[in-house]
Amino acid sequence: MDEKEKYERYWEIPSERKVSPGMRTIEEFSAEARERGFAKILDLGCGQGKTTVHLLDDGFDVIATDIARNCLNDDLQSTLYGCFVPAPAWDLPFDDDCFDCIFSCDVLEHIPLELVHDTLVELARVAPVAYLEIASFDRHVTHTSGEHLHVHLAVQSIDWWRAELEKAGWVIEKAYDRKAS
């Protein structure tokens, strides 16, 4: 099963639609994005679409992307019509430097390890700034069919992620290890 198929199976699990990790920090991000003058934002790994709607409501020009075509909640599909583009993070169908900023919360740990570098380079290609939250714990989920899906593939330390981001050309402005604080 490839990554796209896995995440289309993942979004068939009703319990996975109950929590949107990005909602924990969307207010903080939105305020900082506004303060820094960002207008066009890529919501990378948008999941159900809740953070995208929040950003749209805050007046930002937002494109949402996720590897799975079926990720958006049914009640948000009409709101997000025209701004959702299904695509893997390592192969984005956008022009160079077409976004002011990327918002991505609890997404990069889902990337296969062998694609992490390509993904980080791809993100740098489309935007000069990224707000990234990366989970650092392993996770498996069970589909309603009983099938087990391993979803956190790049579980690494904050130091590892810092090094990978720097190798891909990113300059780290802020970094927090939430487990340690």
N, C-alpha and C. Protein backbone atom coordinates (compact mmCIF):
# COMPACT_ATOMS: atom_id res chain seq x y z
N MET A 1 0.85 -1.17 0.00
CA MET A 1 0.00 0.00 0.00
C MET A 1 0.90 1.24 0.00
N ASP A 2 0.65 2.18 -0.91
CA ASP A 2 1.46 3.40 -0.93
C ASP A 2 0.92 4.41 0.08
N GLU A 3 1.64 5.51 0.26
CA GLU A 3 1.27 6.51 1.27
C GLU A 3 -0.10 7.12 1.00
N LYS A 4 -0.42 7.39 -0.25
CA LYS A 4 -1.72 7.97 -0.59
C LYS A 4 -2.84 7.01 -0.18
N GLU A 5 -2.71 5.76 -0.54
CA GLU A 5 -3.73 4.76 -0.16
C GLU A 5 -3.85 4.64 1.36
N LYS A 6 -2.70 4.64 2.04
CA LYS A 6 -2.71 4.51 3.50
C LYS A 6 -3.51 5.66 4.13
N TYR A 7 -3.29 6.88 3.66
CA TYR A 7 -3.98 8.02 4.27
C TYR A 7 -5.43 8.13 3.82
N GLU A 8 -5.76 7.59 2.67
CA GLU A 8 -7.17 7.52 2.31
C GLU A 8 -7.88 6.51 3.22
N ARG A 9 -7.20 5.44 3.60
CA ARG A 9 -7.74 4.50 4.58
C ARG A 9 -7.83 5.17 5.96
N TYR A 10 -6.79 5.90 6.32
CA TYR A 10 -6.74 6.61 7.61
C TYR A 10 -7.96 7.51 7.79
N TRP A 11 -8.30 8.30 6.77
CA TRP A 11 -9.41 9.25 6.89
C TRP A 11 -10.77 8.57 6.85
N GLU A 12 -10.81 7.26 6.64
CA GLU A 12 -12.06 6.50 6.75
C GLU A 12 -12.37 6.15 8.21
N ILE A 13 -11.43 6.40 9.11
CA ILE A 13 -11.60 6.06 10.54
C ILE A 13 -12.29 7.24 11.22
N PRO A 14 -13.54 7.08 11.65
CA PRO A 14 -14.28 8.21 12.23
C PRO A 14 -13.58 8.90 13.40
N SER A 15 -12.91 8.15 14.25
CA SER A 15 -12.26 8.77 15.42
C SER A 15 -11.13 9.71 15.02
N GLU A 16 -10.53 9.52 13.85
CA GLU A 16 -9.43 10.38 13.41
C GLU A 16 -9.93 11.75 12.95
N ARG A 17 -11.22 11.90 12.78
CA ARG A 17 -11.81 13.17 12.36
C ARG A 17 -12.22 14.04 13.55
N LYS A 18 -12.07 13.53 14.77
CA LYS A 18 -12.53 14.26 15.95
C LYS A 18 -11.57 15.34 16.42
N VAL A 19 -10.27 15.14 16.22
CA VAL A 19 -9.26 16.08 16.72
C VAL A 19 -8.47 16.64 15.54
N SER A 20 -8.26 17.93 15.57
CA SER A 20 -7.43 18.59 14.56
C SER A 20 -6.26 19.25 15.30
N PRO A 21 -5.08 18.61 15.30
CA PRO A 21 -3.96 19.14 16.07
C PRO A 21 -3.62 20.61 15.78
N GLY A 22 -3.80 21.02 14.56
CA GLY A 22 -3.49 22.39 14.19
C GLY A 22 -4.33 23.44 14.89
N MET A 23 -5.48 23.05 15.38
CA MET A 23 -6.35 24.01 16.07
C MET A 23 -5.75 24.45 17.40
N ARG A 24 -4.81 23.67 17.94
CA ARG A 24 -4.15 24.06 19.20
C ARG A 24 -3.37 25.36 19.06
N THR A 25 -2.79 25.57 17.88
CA THR A 25 -1.89 26.71 17.70
C THR A 25 -2.30 27.67 16.59
N ILE A 26 -3.46 27.48 16.00
CA ILE A 26 -3.84 28.30 14.84
C ILE A 26 -3.99 29.77 15.20
N GLU A 27 -4.49 30.07 16.39
CA GLU A 27 -4.63 31.48 16.80
C GLU A 27 -3.26 32.16 16.88
N GLU A 28 -2.31 31.49 17.52
CA GLU A 28 -0.94 32.01 17.64
C GLU A 28 -0.33 32.22 16.26
N PHE A 29 -0.47 31.22 15.38
CA PHE A 29 0.08 31.33 14.04
C PHE A 29 -0.57 32.47 13.28
N SER A 30 -1.89 32.54 13.32
CA SER A 30 -2.63 33.56 12.58
C SER A 30 -2.19 34.97 13.01
N ALA A 31 -2.05 35.17 14.31
CA ALA A 31 -1.62 36.49 14.81
C ALA A 31 -0.21 36.82 14.32
N GLU A 32 0.69 35.84 14.37
CA GLU A 32 2.05 36.10 13.91
C GLU A 32 2.09 36.33 12.40
N ALA A 33 1.31 35.56 11.65
CA ALA A 33 1.26 35.73 10.19
C ALA A 33 0.75 37.13 9.83
N ARG A 34 -0.26 37.57 10.52
CA ARG A 34 -0.81 38.90 10.28
C ARG A 34 0.23 39.97 10.61
N GLU A 35 0.89 39.82 11.77
CA GLU A 35 1.91 40.76 12.21
C GLU A 35 3.07 40.85 11.22
N ARG A 36 3.42 39.72 10.62
CA ARG A 36 4.55 39.69 9.67
C ARG A 36 4.13 40.03 8.25
N GLY A 37 2.85 40.29 8.04
CA GLY A 37 2.39 40.70 6.72
C GLY A 37 2.21 39.59 5.72
N PHE A 38 2.10 38.36 6.19
CA PHE A 38 1.88 37.25 5.27
C PHE A 38 0.44 37.31 4.75
N ALA A 39 0.27 37.05 3.47
CA ALA A 39 -1.06 37.07 2.87
C ALA A 39 -1.44 35.70 2.31
N LYS A 40 -0.50 35.06 1.61
CA LYS A 40 -0.79 33.79 0.94
C LYS A 40 -0.13 32.65 1.71
N ILE A 41 -0.94 31.74 2.20
CA ILE A 41 -0.47 30.66 3.09
C ILE A 41 -0.81 29.30 2.51
N LEU A 42 0.14 28.38 2.62
CA LEU A 42 -0.09 26.98 2.29
C LEU A 42 -0.36 26.24 3.58
N ASP A 43 -1.54 25.63 3.70
CA ASP A 43 -1.87 24.76 4.84
C ASP A 43 -1.49 23.35 4.42
N LEU A 44 -0.28 22.95 4.78
CA LEU A 44 0.29 21.68 4.34
C LEU A 44 -0.16 20.56 5.26
N GLY A 45 -0.80 19.53 4.69
CA GLY A 45 -1.34 18.44 5.49
C GLY A 45 -2.57 18.91 6.23
N CYS A 46 -3.48 19.51 5.50
CA CYS A 46 -4.64 20.20 6.09
C CYS A 46 -5.62 19.29 6.81
N GLY A 47 -5.54 17.98 6.56
CA GLY A 47 -6.47 17.07 7.25
C GLY A 47 -7.91 17.44 6.99
N GLN A 48 -8.69 17.52 8.06
CA GLN A 48 -10.14 17.77 7.92
C GLN A 48 -10.46 19.12 7.31
N GLY A 49 -9.53 20.08 7.35
CA GLY A 49 -9.76 21.40 6.79
C GLY A 49 -10.11 22.47 7.81
N LYS A 50 -10.11 22.12 9.08
CA LYS A 50 -10.51 23.09 10.11
C LYS A 50 -9.56 24.28 10.18
N THR A 51 -8.25 24.03 10.11
CA THR A 51 -7.31 25.15 10.18
C THR A 51 -7.40 26.02 8.93
N THR A 52 -7.66 25.40 7.80
CA THR A 52 -7.81 26.17 6.56
C THR A 52 -8.99 27.13 6.67
N VAL A 53 -10.11 26.65 7.16
CA VAL A 53 -11.29 27.51 7.33
C VAL A 53 -10.98 28.65 8.29
N HIS A 54 -10.28 28.35 9.36
CA HIS A 54 -9.91 29.39 10.33
C HIS A 54 -9.07 30.47 9.64
N LEU A 55 -8.09 30.06 8.86
CA LEU A 55 -7.23 31.02 8.17
C LEU A 55 -8.01 31.82 7.13
N LEU A 56 -8.90 31.17 6.41
CA LEU A 56 -9.75 31.89 5.45
C LEU A 56 -10.61 32.92 6.17
N ASP A 57 -11.20 32.52 7.29
CA ASP A 57 -12.04 33.44 8.08
C ASP A 57 -11.23 34.62 8.60
N ASP A 58 -9.93 34.41 8.82
CA ASP A 58 -9.06 35.48 9.28
C ASP A 58 -8.58 36.37 8.14
N GLY A 59 -9.03 36.08 6.92
CA GLY A 59 -8.73 36.95 5.78
C GLY A 59 -7.51 36.58 4.96
N PHE A 60 -6.91 35.43 5.22
CA PHE A 60 -5.75 35.01 4.45
C PHE A 60 -6.17 34.34 3.15
N ASP A 61 -5.32 34.40 2.15
CA ASP A 61 -5.47 33.67 0.90
C ASP A 61 -4.79 32.32 1.15
N VAL A 62 -5.58 31.25 1.19
CA VAL A 62 -5.05 29.95 1.63
C VAL A 62 -5.28 28.89 0.57
N ILE A 63 -4.25 28.09 0.36
CA ILE A 63 -4.36 26.85 -0.40
C ILE A 63 -4.10 25.73 0.60
N ALA A 64 -4.96 24.74 0.59
CA ALA A 64 -4.83 23.59 1.49
C ALA A 64 -4.42 22.39 0.66
N THR A 65 -3.52 21.60 1.22
CA THR A 65 -3.11 20.39 0.53
C THR A 65 -2.97 19.24 1.52
N ASP A 66 -3.22 18.05 1.03
CA ASP A 66 -3.07 16.82 1.81
C ASP A 66 -2.89 15.70 0.80
N ILE A 67 -2.23 14.64 1.19
CA ILE A 67 -2.01 13.53 0.28
C ILE A 67 -3.31 12.78 -0.03
N ALA A 68 -4.26 12.80 0.89
CA ALA A 68 -5.51 12.05 0.73
C ALA A 68 -6.63 12.94 0.22
N ARG A 69 -7.27 12.51 -0.84
CA ARG A 69 -8.38 13.28 -1.42
C ARG A 69 -9.61 13.32 -0.51
N ASN A 70 -9.74 12.34 0.38
CA ASN A 70 -10.94 12.22 1.21
C ASN A 70 -10.75 12.78 2.62
N CYS A 71 -9.76 13.61 2.83
CA CYS A 71 -9.45 14.08 4.19
C CYS A 71 -10.43 15.14 4.70
N LEU A 72 -10.96 15.97 3.84
CA LEU A 72 -11.81 17.08 4.29
C LEU A 72 -13.11 16.58 4.92
N ASN A 73 -13.49 17.21 6.02
CA ASN A 73 -14.79 16.89 6.62
C ASN A 73 -15.90 17.28 5.65
N ASP A 74 -16.95 16.48 5.62
CA ASP A 74 -18.06 16.71 4.70
C ASP A 74 -18.63 18.13 4.82
N ASP A 75 -18.76 18.62 6.06
CA ASP A 75 -19.37 19.93 6.26
C ASP A 75 -18.47 21.09 5.82
N LEU A 76 -17.21 20.82 5.50
CA LEU A 76 -16.29 21.87 5.08
C LEU A 76 -15.96 21.84 3.59
N GLN A 77 -16.40 20.80 2.89
CA GLN A 77 -16.03 20.65 1.49
C GLN A 77 -16.50 21.81 0.61
N SER A 78 -17.70 22.30 0.82
CA SER A 78 -18.16 23.41 -0.03
C SER A 78 -17.40 24.69 0.29
N THR A 79 -17.06 24.91 1.55
CA THR A 79 -16.28 26.09 1.94
C THR A 79 -14.89 26.05 1.31
N LEU A 80 -14.32 24.86 1.21
CA LEU A 80 -12.95 24.71 0.74
C LEU A 80 -12.85 24.39 -0.75
N TYR A 81 -14.00 24.37 -1.42
CA TYR A 81 -13.99 24.11 -2.86
C TYR A 81 -13.13 25.17 -3.56
N GLY A 82 -12.21 24.72 -4.34
CA GLY A 82 -11.36 25.65 -5.08
C GLY A 82 -10.04 25.98 -4.39
N CYS A 83 -9.94 25.68 -3.09
CA CYS A 83 -8.65 25.96 -2.44
C CYS A 83 -8.00 24.69 -1.90
N PHE A 84 -8.57 23.52 -2.18
CA PHE A 84 -7.96 22.25 -1.77
C PHE A 84 -7.30 21.59 -2.97
N VAL A 85 -6.02 21.25 -2.81
CA VAL A 85 -5.25 20.60 -3.87
C VAL A 85 -4.63 19.33 -3.28
N PRO A 86 -5.14 18.15 -3.67
CA PRO A 86 -4.53 16.93 -3.14
C PRO A 86 -3.14 16.72 -3.74
N ALA A 87 -2.15 16.53 -2.86
CA ALA A 87 -0.77 16.32 -3.32
C ALA A 87 0.08 15.86 -2.15
N PRO A 88 1.11 15.06 -2.44
CA PRO A 88 2.05 14.69 -1.37
C PRO A 88 3.00 15.86 -1.09
N ALA A 89 3.44 15.98 0.13
CA ALA A 89 4.31 17.09 0.54
C ALA A 89 5.64 17.11 -0.21
N TRP A 90 6.09 15.98 -0.70
CA TRP A 90 7.38 15.91 -1.39
C TRP A 90 7.26 16.20 -2.88
N ASP A 91 6.05 16.47 -3.37
CA ASP A 91 5.85 16.75 -4.80
C ASP A 91 4.68 17.72 -4.95
N LEU A 92 4.91 18.96 -4.59
CA LEU A 92 3.84 19.97 -4.59
C LEU A 92 3.67 20.59 -5.98
N PRO A 93 2.44 20.70 -6.45
CA PRO A 93 2.18 21.23 -7.80
C PRO A 93 2.05 22.76 -7.83
N PHE A 94 2.99 23.45 -7.21
CA PHE A 94 2.93 24.90 -7.12
C PHE A 94 4.21 25.51 -7.67
N ASP A 95 4.11 26.77 -8.11
CA ASP A 95 5.27 27.50 -8.61
C ASP A 95 6.23 27.82 -7.46
N ASP A 96 7.46 28.10 -7.82
CA ASP A 96 8.45 28.52 -6.84
C ASP A 96 7.99 29.80 -6.14
N ASP A 97 8.25 29.88 -4.85
CA ASP A 97 7.98 31.08 -4.06
C ASP A 97 6.56 31.63 -4.23
N CYS A 98 5.58 30.77 -4.33
CA CYS A 98 4.21 31.24 -4.55
C CYS A 98 3.43 31.48 -3.24
N PHE A 99 4.04 31.12 -2.10
CA PHE A 99 3.40 31.36 -0.80
C PHE A 99 4.30 32.23 0.05
N ASP A 100 3.68 33.00 0.94
CA ASP A 100 4.45 33.77 1.90
C ASP A 100 4.91 32.90 3.07
N CYS A 101 4.10 31.88 3.37
CA CYS A 101 4.37 31.06 4.54
C CYS A 101 3.64 29.73 4.42
N ILE A 102 4.18 28.73 5.11
CA ILE A 102 3.56 27.41 5.21
C ILE A 102 3.15 27.20 6.67
N PHE A 103 1.94 26.70 6.87
CA PHE A 103 1.49 26.25 8.19
C PHE A 103 1.36 24.74 8.10
N SER A 104 2.03 24.03 9.01
CA SER A 104 1.97 22.57 9.00
C SER A 104 2.11 22.06 10.43
N CYS A 105 1.06 21.45 10.92
CA CYS A 105 1.04 20.98 12.30
C CYS A 105 0.79 19.48 12.35
N ASP A 106 1.71 18.76 12.95
CA ASP A 106 1.62 17.30 13.07
C ASP A 106 1.47 16.62 11.71
N VAL A 107 2.37 16.99 10.80
CA VAL A 107 2.35 16.43 9.45
C VAL A 107 3.68 15.76 9.10
N LEU A 108 4.79 16.44 9.36
CA LEU A 108 6.09 15.95 8.87
C LEU A 108 6.48 14.60 9.46
N GLU A 109 5.98 14.27 10.65
CA GLU A 109 6.29 12.95 11.21
C GLU A 109 5.63 11.82 10.42
N HIS A 110 4.70 12.17 9.54
CA HIS A 110 4.03 11.17 8.69
C HIS A 110 4.81 10.87 7.41
N ILE A 111 5.84 11.65 7.13
CA ILE A 111 6.61 11.48 5.89
C ILE A 111 7.56 10.30 6.04
N PRO A 112 7.62 9.42 5.03
CA PRO A 112 8.61 8.34 5.10
C PRO A 112 10.02 8.94 5.23
N LEU A 113 10.84 8.34 6.08
CA LEU A 113 12.18 8.87 6.36
C LEU A 113 12.98 9.16 5.09
N GLU A 114 12.86 8.28 4.11
CA GLU A 114 13.65 8.46 2.89
C GLU A 114 13.18 9.65 2.05
N LEU A 115 12.02 10.22 2.40
CA LEU A 115 11.49 11.38 1.67
C LEU A 115 11.55 12.69 2.47
N VAL A 116 12.06 12.63 3.69
CA VAL A 116 12.09 13.83 4.53
C VAL A 116 12.91 14.94 3.88
N HIS A 117 14.13 14.65 3.44
CA HIS A 117 14.97 15.70 2.85
C HIS A 117 14.29 16.31 1.62
N ASP A 118 13.80 15.47 0.71
CA ASP A 118 13.12 15.98 -0.49
C ASP A 118 11.92 16.85 -0.11
N THR A 119 11.20 16.45 0.93
CA THR A 119 10.04 17.22 1.39
C THR A 119 10.47 18.59 1.89
N LEU A 120 11.50 18.63 2.71
CA LEU A 120 11.95 19.91 3.26
C LEU A 120 12.48 20.83 2.16
N VAL A 121 13.15 20.27 1.17
CA VAL A 121 13.62 21.07 0.02
C VAL A 121 12.41 21.58 -0.77
N GLU A 122 11.41 20.75 -0.94
CA GLU A 122 10.20 21.14 -1.66
C GLU A 122 9.47 22.27 -0.94
N LEU A 123 9.40 22.20 0.37
CA LEU A 123 8.76 23.27 1.13
C LEU A 123 9.51 24.57 0.95
N ALA A 124 10.85 24.52 1.00
CA ALA A 124 11.66 25.72 0.81
C ALA A 124 11.49 26.29 -0.60
N ARG A 125 11.19 25.44 -1.55
CA ARG A 125 10.98 25.89 -2.93
C ARG A 125 9.74 26.77 -3.06
N VAL A 126 8.67 26.43 -2.31
CA VAL A 126 7.40 27.13 -2.49
C VAL A 126 7.17 28.29 -1.53
N ALA A 127 7.95 28.36 -0.44
CA ALA A 127 7.76 29.44 0.54
C ALA A 127 9.05 29.70 1.30
N PRO A 128 9.29 30.96 1.67
CA PRO A 128 10.51 31.28 2.41
C PRO A 128 10.40 31.05 3.92
N VAL A 129 9.18 30.91 4.42
CA VAL A 129 8.95 30.77 5.86
C VAL A 129 7.99 29.61 6.09
N ALA A 130 8.23 28.85 7.15
CA ALA A 130 7.32 27.76 7.51
C ALA A 130 7.15 27.72 9.02
N TYR A 131 5.92 27.47 9.43
CA TYR A 131 5.58 27.25 10.83
C TYR A 131 5.30 25.76 10.93
N LEU A 132 6.20 25.02 11.57
CA LEU A 132 6.10 23.57 11.61
C LEU A 132 5.99 23.07 13.04
N GLU A 133 5.04 22.22 13.29
CA GLU A 133 4.98 21.46 14.53
C GLU A 133 5.11 20.00 14.13
N ILE A 134 6.02 19.31 14.80
CA ILE A 134 6.32 17.93 14.42
C ILE A 134 6.21 17.06 15.67
N ALA A 135 5.33 16.08 15.63
CA ALA A 135 5.16 15.17 16.77
C ALA A 135 6.38 14.25 16.88
N SER A 136 6.71 13.88 18.09
CA SER A 136 7.90 13.05 18.32
C SER A 136 7.55 11.74 19.02
N PHE A 137 6.41 11.17 18.66
CA PHE A 137 6.04 9.89 19.25
C PHE A 137 5.51 8.97 18.15
N ASP A 138 5.72 7.68 18.34
CA ASP A 138 5.27 6.70 17.36
C ASP A 138 3.75 6.56 17.44
N ARG A 139 3.13 6.24 16.32
CA ARG A 139 1.67 6.10 16.34
C ARG A 139 1.22 5.09 15.29
N HIS A 140 0.35 4.22 15.73
CA HIS A 140 -0.32 3.26 14.86
C HIS A 140 -1.82 3.46 15.09
N VAL A 141 -2.61 3.30 14.05
CA VAL A 141 -4.07 3.36 14.19
C VAL A 141 -4.65 2.10 13.57
N THR A 142 -5.86 1.79 13.98
CA THR A 142 -6.54 0.61 13.46
C THR A 142 -7.76 1.04 12.67
N HIS A 143 -7.79 0.62 11.42
CA HIS A 143 -8.92 0.89 10.53
C HIS A 143 -10.12 0.07 11.01
N THR A 144 -11.32 0.48 10.64
CA THR A 144 -12.52 -0.26 11.04
C THR A 144 -12.51 -1.70 10.53
N SER A 145 -11.72 -1.98 9.50
CA SER A 145 -11.60 -3.35 8.98
C SER A 145 -10.67 -4.21 9.83
N GLY A 146 -9.98 -3.60 10.80
CA GLY A 146 -9.01 -4.31 11.63
C GLY A 146 -7.58 -4.13 11.14
N GLU A 147 -7.42 -3.52 10.00
CA GLU A 147 -6.09 -3.28 9.43
C GLU A 147 -5.33 -2.25 10.27
N HIS A 148 -4.06 -2.55 10.57
CA HIS A 148 -3.22 -1.63 11.35
C HIS A 148 -2.41 -0.76 10.41
N LEU A 149 -2.42 0.53 10.67
CA LEU A 149 -1.69 1.49 9.85
C LEU A 149 -0.64 2.18 10.71
N HIS A 150 0.61 2.11 10.27
CA HIS A 150 1.70 2.81 10.96
C HIS A 150 1.76 4.20 10.34
N VAL A 151 1.45 5.23 11.13
CA VAL A 151 1.32 6.57 10.55
C VAL A 151 2.44 7.54 10.90
N HIS A 152 3.12 7.37 12.01
CA HIS A 152 4.25 8.26 12.33
C HIS A 152 5.53 7.55 11.92
N LEU A 153 6.05 7.94 10.78
CA LEU A 153 7.20 7.26 10.19
C LEU A 153 8.52 7.94 10.44
N ALA A 154 8.47 9.24 10.74
CA ALA A 154 9.71 10.02 10.94
C ALA A 154 9.76 10.55 12.37
N VAL A 155 9.72 9.64 13.30
CA VAL A 155 9.78 10.01 14.71
C VAL A 155 11.25 10.18 15.08
N GLN A 156 11.63 11.44 15.26
CA GLN A 156 13.03 11.76 15.52
C GLN A 156 13.10 12.86 16.57
N SER A 157 14.29 13.07 17.09
CA SER A 157 14.49 14.11 18.11
C SER A 157 14.43 15.50 17.48
N ILE A 158 14.26 16.50 18.32
CA ILE A 158 14.25 17.88 17.83
C ILE A 158 15.61 18.23 17.21
N ASP A 159 16.70 17.69 17.75
CA ASP A 159 18.03 17.94 17.18
C ASP A 159 18.15 17.35 15.78
N TRP A 160 17.59 16.17 15.58
CA TRP A 160 17.61 15.55 14.26
C TRP A 160 16.84 16.42 13.27
N TRP A 161 15.65 16.87 13.67
CA TRP A 161 14.84 17.72 12.78
C TRP A 161 15.55 19.03 12.48
N ARG A 162 16.17 19.63 13.49
CA ARG A 162 16.94 20.87 13.25
C ARG A 162 18.01 20.65 12.19
N ALA A 163 18.75 19.56 12.33
CA ALA A 163 19.82 19.26 11.37
C ALA A 163 19.26 19.03 9.97
N GLU A 164 18.15 18.31 9.87
CA GLU A 164 17.55 18.06 8.56
C GLU A 164 17.03 19.36 7.92
N LEU A 165 16.41 20.20 8.73
CA LEU A 165 15.93 21.50 8.22
C LEU A 165 17.10 22.34 7.72
N GLU A 166 18.18 22.38 8.48
CA GLU A 166 19.35 23.16 8.07
C GLU A 166 19.98 22.59 6.80
N LYS A 167 20.06 21.26 6.67
CA LYS A 167 20.60 20.63 5.45
C LYS A 167 19.76 21.01 4.23
N ALA A 168 18.47 21.21 4.44
CA ALA A 168 17.58 21.57 3.34
C ALA A 168 17.55 23.07 3.07
N GLY A 169 18.34 23.83 3.84
CA GLY A 169 18.45 25.25 3.59
C GLY A 169 17.59 26.15 4.45
N TRP A 170 16.89 25.60 5.43
CA TRP A 170 16.04 26.40 6.30
C TRP A 170 16.86 27.06 7.39
N VAL A 171 16.50 28.27 7.75
CA VAL A 171 17.06 28.96 8.89
C VAL A 171 16.03 28.87 10.01
N ILE A 172 16.42 28.35 11.15
CA ILE A 172 15.46 28.15 12.24
C ILE A 172 15.42 29.39 13.10
N GLU A 173 14.25 30.02 13.14
CA GLU A 173 14.06 31.22 13.96
C GLU A 173 13.73 30.87 15.40
N LYS A 174 12.86 29.88 15.57
CA LYS A 174 12.42 29.44 16.89
C LYS A 174 12.30 27.93 16.86
N ALA A 175 12.61 27.31 17.98
CA ALA A 175 12.42 25.86 18.10
C ALA A 175 12.07 25.54 19.54
N TYR A 176 11.06 24.74 19.70
CA TYR A 176 10.62 24.36 21.04
C TYR A 176 10.51 22.84 21.10
N ASP A 177 10.94 22.28 22.18
CA ASP A 177 10.72 20.87 22.43
C ASP A 177 9.62 20.83 23.49
N ARG A 178 8.38 20.70 23.07
CA ARG A 178 7.24 20.80 23.98
C ARG A 178 7.26 19.73 25.07
N LYS A 179 7.87 18.59 24.80
CA LYS A 179 7.97 17.56 25.83
C LYS A 179 8.82 18.03 26.99
N ALA A 180 9.85 18.81 26.67
CA ALA A 180 10.79 19.25 27.71
C ALA A 180 10.28 20.45 28.49
N SER A 181 9.31 21.17 27.98
CA SER A 181 8.85 22.38 28.66
C SER A 181 7.64 22.14 29.53
